[in-house]
Protein backbone atom coordinates (compact mmCIF):
# COMPACT_ATOMS: atom_id res chain seq x y z
CA MET A 1 5.10 -4.68 50.06
CA ASN A 2 4.90 -7.34 52.76
CA HIS A 3 1.49 -6.81 54.33
CA HIS A 4 2.65 -8.66 57.48
CA ALA A 5 5.54 -6.25 58.15
CA SER A 6 3.84 -4.71 61.20
CA ASN A 7 3.28 -8.07 62.95
CA ALA A 8 5.67 -7.21 65.77
CA GLN A 9 3.47 -4.24 66.68
CA THR A 10 0.04 -5.83 66.12
CA ALA A 11 0.44 -9.48 67.16
CA PRO A 12 -1.05 -10.52 70.52
CA LEU A 13 1.43 -10.68 73.39
CA PRO A 14 -0.23 -13.07 75.86
CA LEU A 15 2.80 -13.16 78.18
CA ALA A 16 3.23 -9.36 78.41
CA GLY A 17 4.11 -8.41 82.00
CA LEU A 18 5.83 -11.75 82.70
CA ARG A 19 9.51 -11.49 83.71
CA VAL A 20 11.79 -14.35 82.67
CA VAL A 21 15.44 -14.51 83.77
CA GLU A 22 17.52 -16.82 81.64
CA PHE A 23 20.81 -18.49 82.65
CA THR A 24 21.37 -20.26 79.34
CA HIS A 25 23.76 -20.88 76.47
CA MET A 26 23.88 -22.80 73.19
CA VAL A 27 20.42 -23.84 71.85
CA MET A 28 18.13 -25.69 74.28
CA GLY A 29 17.67 -23.11 77.05
CA PRO A 30 17.69 -20.14 74.65
CA THR A 31 14.93 -21.80 72.60
CA CYS A 32 12.69 -21.92 75.68
CA GLY A 33 13.41 -18.25 76.34
CA MET A 34 12.78 -17.35 72.69
CA VAL A 35 9.32 -18.94 72.73
CA LEU A 36 8.38 -17.04 75.89
CA ALA A 37 9.90 -13.81 74.53
CA ASP A 38 8.10 -14.08 71.20
CA MET A 39 4.84 -14.42 73.15
CA GLY A 40 5.53 -11.12 74.92
CA ALA A 41 7.49 -11.96 78.08
CA GLU A 42 10.34 -9.72 79.22
CA VAL A 43 13.27 -12.13 78.92
CA ILE A 44 16.54 -11.06 80.53
CA LYS A 45 19.55 -13.12 79.45
CA VAL A 46 22.31 -13.29 82.07
CA GLU A 47 25.74 -13.63 80.46
CA PRO A 48 29.32 -13.77 81.79
CA LEU A 49 31.43 -10.65 81.27
CA GLY A 50 33.01 -12.23 78.18
CA GLY A 51 29.57 -13.01 76.80
CA ASP A 52 27.75 -16.26 76.06
CA ARG A 53 30.37 -18.20 74.06
CA THR A 54 27.63 -19.07 71.57
CA ARG A 55 27.92 -15.49 70.29
CA TYR A 56 31.31 -16.31 68.80
CA LEU A 57 30.81 -19.76 67.27
CA LEU A 58 31.85 -20.40 63.68
CA GLY A 59 30.60 -22.87 61.08
CA SER A 60 27.40 -24.71 61.95
CA GLY A 61 27.11 -22.73 65.19
CA ALA A 62 27.15 -19.29 63.53
CA GLY A 63 23.35 -19.13 63.36
CA PHE A 64 22.67 -20.16 66.97
CA PHE A 65 22.89 -16.84 68.82
CA PRO A 66 21.11 -14.63 66.26
CA LEU A 67 18.23 -17.11 65.84
CA PHE A 68 17.46 -18.04 69.45
CA ASN A 69 18.05 -14.73 71.29
CA ARG A 70 15.78 -12.19 69.62
CA ASN A 71 13.27 -10.23 71.73
CA LYS A 72 15.57 -10.55 74.78
CA LYS A 73 17.56 -8.21 76.99
CA SER A 74 21.20 -8.85 77.97
CA ILE A 75 22.90 -8.22 81.29
CA ALA A 76 26.50 -9.26 81.94
CA ILE A 77 27.41 -10.39 85.47
CA ASP A 78 30.60 -11.93 86.91
CA LEU A 79 29.27 -14.84 88.99
CA HIS A 80 32.78 -15.56 90.30
CA THR A 81 32.38 -12.63 92.71
CA LEU A 82 30.14 -12.42 95.78
CA GLU A 83 28.75 -9.10 94.58
CA GLY A 84 27.95 -10.57 91.17
CA VAL A 85 26.13 -13.51 92.75
CA ALA A 86 24.15 -11.06 94.89
CA VAL A 87 23.07 -9.18 91.75
CA ALA A 88 22.08 -12.42 90.01
CA ARG A 89 20.07 -13.63 93.02
CA LYS A 90 18.30 -10.27 93.33
CA LEU A 91 17.45 -10.43 89.62
CA ALA A 92 16.24 -14.04 89.89
CA ALA A 93 14.11 -13.12 92.90
CA SER A 94 12.35 -10.51 90.74
CA ALA A 95 11.42 -13.12 88.12
CA ASP A 96 8.23 -15.01 87.46
CA VAL A 97 10.21 -17.66 85.57
CA VAL A 98 13.86 -18.72 85.71
CA VAL A 99 15.18 -20.71 82.72
CA GLU A 100 18.52 -22.56 82.82
CA ASN A 101 20.51 -25.25 81.03
CA PHE A 102 23.67 -25.54 83.12
CA LYS A 103 24.96 -28.26 85.43
CA LEU A 104 23.02 -28.43 88.70
CA ASP A 105 26.04 -28.07 91.01
CA ALA A 106 26.92 -24.71 89.44
CA LEU A 107 23.46 -23.33 90.23
CA ILE A 108 23.53 -24.70 93.80
CA LYS A 109 26.92 -23.03 94.34
CA TYR A 110 25.43 -19.65 93.40
CA GLY A 111 22.15 -20.14 95.23
CA LEU A 112 20.30 -20.09 91.90
CA ASP A 113 18.81 -23.60 92.20
CA TYR A 114 15.07 -24.16 92.51
CA PRO A 115 14.86 -24.99 96.25
CA THR A 116 16.78 -21.84 97.17
CA LEU A 117 14.79 -19.57 94.84
CA ASN A 118 11.48 -21.20 95.78
CA ALA A 119 12.18 -20.60 99.49
CA ALA A 120 12.52 -16.88 98.74
CA ASN A 121 9.63 -16.74 96.26
CA PRO A 122 7.06 -19.57 96.25
CA ARG A 123 5.52 -18.16 93.05
CA ILE A 124 8.65 -18.76 91.01
CA ILE A 125 8.53 -21.18 88.07
CA PHE A 126 11.87 -22.84 87.36
CA ALA A 127 12.50 -24.42 83.94
CA ALA A 128 15.54 -26.71 83.96
CA HIS A 129 16.89 -28.06 80.65
CA LYS A 130 19.09 -31.12 81.01
CA GLY A 131 20.61 -33.97 79.07
CA PHE A 132 18.57 -36.56 80.98
CA LEU A 133 15.74 -36.45 83.48
CA PRO A 134 16.82 -37.65 86.95
CA GLY A 135 17.94 -41.28 86.86
CA PRO A 136 20.86 -43.60 86.07
CA TYR A 137 22.07 -41.51 83.11
CA ASP A 138 21.78 -38.04 84.63
CA HIS A 139 25.52 -37.79 85.42
CA ARG A 140 26.42 -38.11 81.73
CA THR A 141 27.23 -35.18 79.49
CA ALA A 142 24.67 -35.05 76.69
CA LEU A 143 24.70 -33.32 73.33
CA ASP A 144 22.11 -33.49 70.57
CA GLU A 145 24.34 -35.92 68.70
CA VAL A 146 24.84 -38.11 71.81
CA VAL A 147 21.13 -38.64 72.38
CA GLN A 148 20.44 -39.12 68.67
CA MET A 149 22.96 -41.99 68.69
CA MET A 150 21.78 -43.63 71.92
CA GLY A 151 18.10 -42.87 71.35
CA GLY A 152 17.59 -44.60 68.01
CA LEU A 153 17.19 -41.49 65.84
CA ALA A 154 20.59 -41.75 64.13
CA TYR A 155 19.88 -45.44 63.46
CA MET A 156 16.53 -44.59 61.88
CA THR A 157 17.91 -41.70 59.80
CA GLY A 158 20.97 -43.40 58.30
CA ARG A 159 21.31 -46.36 56.00
CA PRO A 160 21.79 -49.77 57.68
CA GLY A 161 25.19 -49.84 59.35
CA ASP A 162 25.65 -46.10 58.87
CA PRO A 163 23.97 -44.18 61.72
CA LEU A 164 23.45 -40.54 60.74
CA ARG A 165 22.38 -37.62 62.90
CA ALA A 166 19.43 -35.54 61.74
CA GLY A 167 20.46 -32.42 59.83
CA SER A 168 19.37 -29.97 62.53
CA SER A 169 19.55 -29.54 66.32
CA VAL A 170 16.19 -31.27 66.63
CA ASN A 171 16.43 -32.34 70.29
CA ASP A 172 17.89 -29.05 71.50
CA ILE A 173 15.16 -27.06 69.78
CA MET A 174 12.28 -29.36 70.75
CA GLY A 175 13.69 -29.74 74.27
CA GLY A 176 13.48 -25.96 74.65
CA MET A 177 9.95 -25.99 73.25
CA PHE A 178 8.87 -28.62 75.78
CA GLY A 179 10.45 -26.51 78.51
CA ALA A 180 8.31 -23.59 77.35
CA ILE A 181 5.20 -25.81 77.21
CA GLY A 182 5.91 -26.86 80.81
CA VAL A 183 6.25 -23.20 81.81
CA LEU A 184 2.91 -22.35 80.20
CA GLY A 185 1.24 -25.19 82.09
CA ALA A 186 2.87 -24.08 85.33
CA LEU A 187 1.62 -20.52 84.75
CA VAL A 188 -1.96 -21.77 84.42
CA GLN A 189 -1.54 -23.77 87.63
CA ARG A 190 -0.01 -20.76 89.40
CA GLY A 191 -3.03 -18.69 88.40
CA ILE A 192 -5.18 -21.19 90.31
CA THR A 193 -3.02 -21.99 93.35
CA GLY A 194 -0.69 -18.98 93.55
CA LYS A 195 2.31 -21.31 93.68
CA GLY A 196 5.05 -21.97 91.15
CA MET A 197 6.83 -25.24 90.41
CA GLU A 198 9.89 -26.77 88.83
CA VAL A 199 9.64 -27.95 85.22
CA GLN A 200 12.31 -30.19 83.69
CA SER A 201 12.91 -30.95 80.04
CA ALA A 202 15.63 -33.28 78.74
CA LEU A 203 17.34 -34.12 75.45
CA PHE A 204 17.28 -37.92 75.81
CA GLU A 205 13.63 -38.13 76.74
CA ASN A 206 12.77 -35.75 73.90
CA ASN A 207 14.61 -37.99 71.46
CA VAL A 208 12.77 -41.07 72.75
CA LEU A 209 9.48 -39.30 71.97
CA LEU A 210 10.75 -38.63 68.44
CA VAL A 211 11.35 -42.35 67.85
CA GLY A 212 8.25 -43.37 69.80
CA GLN A 213 6.34 -44.20 66.61
CA HIS A 214 8.99 -46.79 65.75
CA MET A 215 8.97 -48.21 69.28
CA LEU A 216 5.18 -48.57 69.12
CA GLN A 217 5.41 -50.09 65.65
CA TYR A 218 7.51 -52.86 67.16
CA ALA A 219 5.26 -53.20 70.21
CA VAL A 220 2.18 -53.54 67.99
CA THR A 221 3.55 -55.66 65.13
CA GLY A 222 6.54 -57.47 66.64
CA GLN A 223 8.57 -56.32 63.62
CA PRO A 224 11.55 -53.99 64.23
CA ALA A 225 11.41 -50.74 62.29
CA ALA A 226 14.02 -50.61 59.53
CA PRO A 227 16.06 -47.41 59.06
CA MET A 228 14.15 -44.90 56.94
CA PRO A 229 16.30 -45.33 53.78
CA SER A 230 15.57 -49.08 53.71
CA ARG A 231 12.13 -49.18 55.34
CA ILE A 232 9.15 -50.86 53.76
CA SER A 233 7.15 -47.79 52.85
CA ALA A 234 3.44 -47.67 53.55
CA TRP A 235 2.94 -46.15 50.10
CA GLY A 236 3.58 -47.44 46.59
CA VAL A 237 4.87 -44.14 45.21
CA TYR A 238 6.75 -42.05 47.76
CA ASP A 239 10.19 -41.27 46.40
CA VAL A 240 12.85 -38.88 45.17
CA PHE A 241 13.34 -39.09 41.39
CA ASP A 242 16.38 -38.04 39.36
CA VAL A 243 15.12 -35.93 36.47
CA LYS A 244 16.40 -33.68 33.66
CA ASP A 245 19.60 -31.64 34.04
CA GLY A 246 20.65 -33.44 37.23
CA GLU A 247 17.71 -32.09 39.23
CA GLN A 248 15.66 -34.08 41.74
CA ILE A 249 12.05 -33.97 42.88
CA PHE A 250 9.97 -35.87 45.44
CA LEU A 251 6.71 -37.30 44.10
CA ALA A 252 4.01 -39.27 45.91
CA ALA A 253 0.68 -40.98 45.39
CA VAL A 254 -0.66 -42.21 48.72
CA SER A 255 -4.12 -43.48 47.76
CA ASP A 256 -5.67 -45.38 44.89
CA ALA A 257 -7.46 -42.22 43.75
CA GLN A 258 -4.14 -40.31 43.73
CA TRP A 259 -2.52 -43.16 41.77
CA ARG A 260 -5.14 -42.85 39.04
CA VAL A 261 -4.62 -39.09 38.82
CA PHE A 262 -0.82 -39.56 38.94
CA CYS A 263 -0.88 -41.92 35.94
CA SER A 264 -3.29 -39.66 34.07
CA VAL A 265 -1.41 -36.35 34.45
CA LEU A 266 2.01 -37.92 33.84
CA GLY A 267 0.87 -39.85 30.77
CA LEU A 268 1.28 -43.41 32.09
CA PRO A 269 -1.81 -45.22 30.71
CA ASP A 270 -0.17 -48.66 30.66
CA LEU A 271 0.59 -48.48 34.38
CA LEU A 272 -2.94 -47.29 35.08
CA ALA A 273 -4.33 -50.28 33.18
CA ASP A 274 -2.10 -52.80 34.99
CA GLN A 275 -4.39 -54.62 37.43
CA GLU A 276 -1.39 -55.80 39.43
CA LEU A 277 -0.83 -52.14 40.39
CA ALA A 278 -4.47 -51.31 41.08
CA THR A 279 -4.28 -51.05 44.87
CA ASN A 280 -1.75 -49.36 47.13
CA ASN A 281 -0.76 -52.61 48.82
CA GLN A 282 -0.12 -54.20 45.43
CA ARG A 283 2.05 -51.23 44.49
CA VAL A 284 3.97 -51.55 47.78
CA GLN A 285 4.71 -55.22 46.96
CA ALA A 286 5.76 -54.28 43.42
CA ARG A 287 7.68 -51.23 44.61
CA PRO A 288 11.27 -52.00 43.50
CA GLY A 289 10.22 -52.71 39.90
CA LEU A 290 7.67 -49.88 39.87
CA GLN A 291 10.24 -47.39 41.15
CA SER A 292 12.64 -48.42 38.39
CA VAL A 293 9.99 -48.05 35.67
CA LEU A 294 8.86 -44.64 36.96
CA GLN A 295 12.47 -43.45 37.18
CA GLN A 296 13.03 -44.36 33.51
CA ARG A 297 9.77 -42.72 32.39
CA LEU A 298 10.38 -39.48 34.28
CA ALA A 299 14.14 -39.04 33.76
CA HIS A 300 13.75 -36.79 30.69
CA ARG A 301 11.14 -34.50 32.29
CA SER A 302 12.15 -31.29 34.04
CA ALA A 303 11.54 -30.76 37.75
CA ALA A 304 9.60 -27.56 37.02
CA GLU A 305 7.30 -29.29 34.53
CA LEU A 306 6.60 -32.16 36.95
CA ALA A 307 5.98 -29.74 39.82
CA GLU A 308 3.47 -27.78 37.74
CA LEU A 309 1.59 -30.94 36.72
CA MET A 310 1.49 -32.30 40.28
CA GLU A 311 0.42 -28.96 41.78
CA ARG A 312 -2.36 -28.50 39.23
CA ALA A 313 -3.61 -32.04 39.96
CA GLY A 314 -3.47 -31.58 43.75
CA LEU A 315 -0.90 -34.34 44.18
CA PRO A 316 1.93 -34.35 46.78
CA PHE A 317 5.30 -33.17 45.48
CA ALA A 318 8.32 -31.26 46.69
CA PRO A 319 11.38 -29.67 45.13
CA ILE A 320 14.62 -30.65 46.91
CA ARG A 321 15.61 -27.38 48.53
CA LYS A 322 18.67 -26.19 50.44
CA PRO A 323 18.23 -24.10 53.61
CA GLU A 324 19.68 -20.96 52.00
CA GLU A 325 17.04 -21.12 49.26
CA LEU A 326 14.28 -20.73 51.86
CA LEU A 327 15.42 -17.16 52.55
CA ASN A 328 13.79 -16.31 49.20
CA ASP A 329 10.79 -18.66 49.49
CA GLU A 330 7.74 -16.92 48.03
CA HIS A 331 5.35 -18.41 50.59
CA LEU A 332 7.50 -17.44 53.59
CA LEU A 333 7.99 -13.94 52.22
CA ALA A 334 4.30 -13.48 51.38
CA THR A 335 3.03 -14.75 54.74
CA GLY A 336 5.47 -12.95 57.01
CA GLY A 337 7.29 -16.10 58.08
CA LEU A 338 10.64 -14.29 57.88
CA ALA A 339 11.56 -11.09 59.68
CA ASP A 340 14.54 -8.74 59.79
CA VAL A 341 17.04 -8.73 62.66
CA GLN A 342 20.33 -6.92 63.15
CA LEU A 343 23.33 -9.07 64.02
CA PRO A 344 24.86 -8.07 67.39
CA ASP A 345 28.39 -9.47 67.18
CA GLY A 346 31.54 -9.93 65.17
CA ILE A 347 32.54 -8.51 61.82
CA HIS A 348 28.88 -8.57 60.71
CA ALA A 349 27.59 -6.57 63.71
CA GLY A 350 24.82 -4.22 62.62
CA GLN A 351 24.14 -6.14 59.42
CA THR A 352 20.46 -6.90 58.79
CA VAL A 353 19.50 -10.49 57.94
CA LYS A 354 16.29 -12.50 57.74
CA THR A 355 15.31 -14.67 60.69
CA ILE A 356 12.61 -17.30 61.11
CA LEU A 357 9.49 -16.73 63.22
CA LEU A 358 7.63 -19.27 65.33
CA PRO A 359 5.40 -21.45 63.12
CA ILE A 360 2.14 -20.29 64.72
CA THR A 361 -0.32 -17.46 64.39
CA MET A 362 -2.33 -15.85 67.18
CA GLN A 363 -5.45 -13.98 66.10
CA GLY A 364 -4.18 -14.45 62.57
CA GLN A 365 -0.84 -12.75 63.26
CA ARG A 366 2.70 -14.17 63.33
CA LEU A 367 4.62 -13.35 66.51
CA GLY A 368 7.22 -10.90 65.27
CA VAL A 369 10.61 -9.46 66.17
CA ARG A 370 10.21 -6.60 68.64
CA SER A 371 13.96 -6.31 69.22
CA SER A 372 17.03 -7.80 67.58
CA PRO A 373 19.37 -10.14 69.51
CA PRO A 374 20.97 -7.93 72.16
CA ARG A 375 24.54 -6.74 72.31
CA LEU A 376 26.40 -8.09 75.33
CA GLY A 377 25.32 -6.13 78.42
CA GLN A 378 23.09 -3.85 76.34
CA HIS A 379 20.46 -3.64 79.10
CA THR A 380 22.65 -3.93 82.22
CA GLN A 381 22.09 -0.30 83.24
CA ASP A 382 18.31 -0.38 82.82
CA VAL A 383 17.84 -3.78 84.50
CA LEU A 384 19.93 -2.81 87.55
CA ALA A 385 18.11 0.50 87.87
CA GLY A 386 14.83 -1.43 87.78
CA LEU A 387 16.09 -3.59 90.66
CA GLY A 388 16.63 -0.44 92.74
CA TYR A 389 20.38 0.05 92.30
CA ALA A 390 21.32 3.74 92.50
CA PRO A 391 23.36 5.25 89.63
CA ASP A 392 26.53 5.47 91.74
CA ALA A 393 26.15 1.83 92.83
CA ILE A 394 25.79 0.75 89.20
CA GLU A 395 28.84 2.80 88.26
CA ASP A 396 30.82 1.17 91.07
CA LEU A 397 29.82 -2.33 89.89
CA HIS A 398 30.95 -1.40 86.39
CA PHE A 399 34.18 0.11 87.65
CA ARG A 400 35.04 -3.06 89.59
CA HIS A 401 34.14 -5.25 86.57
CA ILE A 402 31.37 -7.05 88.42
CA VAL A 403 28.83 -6.17 85.72
CA GLY A 404 29.38 -5.31 82.09
């Protein structure tokens, strides 16, 4: 029995009572809304009548909607009608926070931009998620892959001459997190001054922060950082090894004390006795030959045997895992890091799957799933009623296909 199963009911909800209205799609904006929702905010996702297109993505996009839209409500509004825009503006006016990741001119057209909303409600906090912060690039269309290429991350991830994007939507997800961090700061400030503010987060600037360590390495040393696959490692043993039955395992020894233990537990007394390998810096200089020797010595050992020896000795190691294997990870299952959600769309609608919680605890509790990702327009009726629309007015909006 998972003793963390009741997290959603017992975890602190520090943002309870906060209303967030979200005009978002894809990953970046929804991530911001997810963080706020997981912390207890009422997050209302505004979708077109056909639904956020992210609901219907295939392939690598199939996990976007179910992951980033839990704990939210959905209302469908046709913003191509004057009545629909009026509903959206009334909803936005009721919000503490508005989150968006669309082009600015679209929001201005609908009167959903920050200056317009701020004029009506000076307490409003507006979190804009963009490709670039205002400047020479802000007219460009950005994607995670675009900023990884132009921001040095693809260069650092791939082999020389072969730029390679990171294997996840790292800038979209972190960009949404920074949007949420900005919102939290703005909420503290609003508690002091009574006034809201605009917060902006951007993919390109996020990516530059991710490669900042390499930029500073150059600034400090004058030596350009080499791509990670060909870099000069800071550590003598810090590698993936090919072992028995075609398996692989990452092993490391990042101090002289760890090196001595490493040689002892793996039965390498001759390497331990070699004074030319006594210090980490010596091992870094001897790394190509040392790596070759270690590879030969370890090739016949099984990954499980090596993992057991390294774990018992307190040394760094890691199996090479695929994402799907993490759904059965004993640590994640035991600590409540995964939670059940029902899928809202498509041929799998209603099916229960595991989702991934925020990697934090509050008062020792993970922030759980209070509600599965919403069906399109699932909360339209309730939200409109809460805004003061009478039942016959709501019915009329439905009848004229202004809301769904």
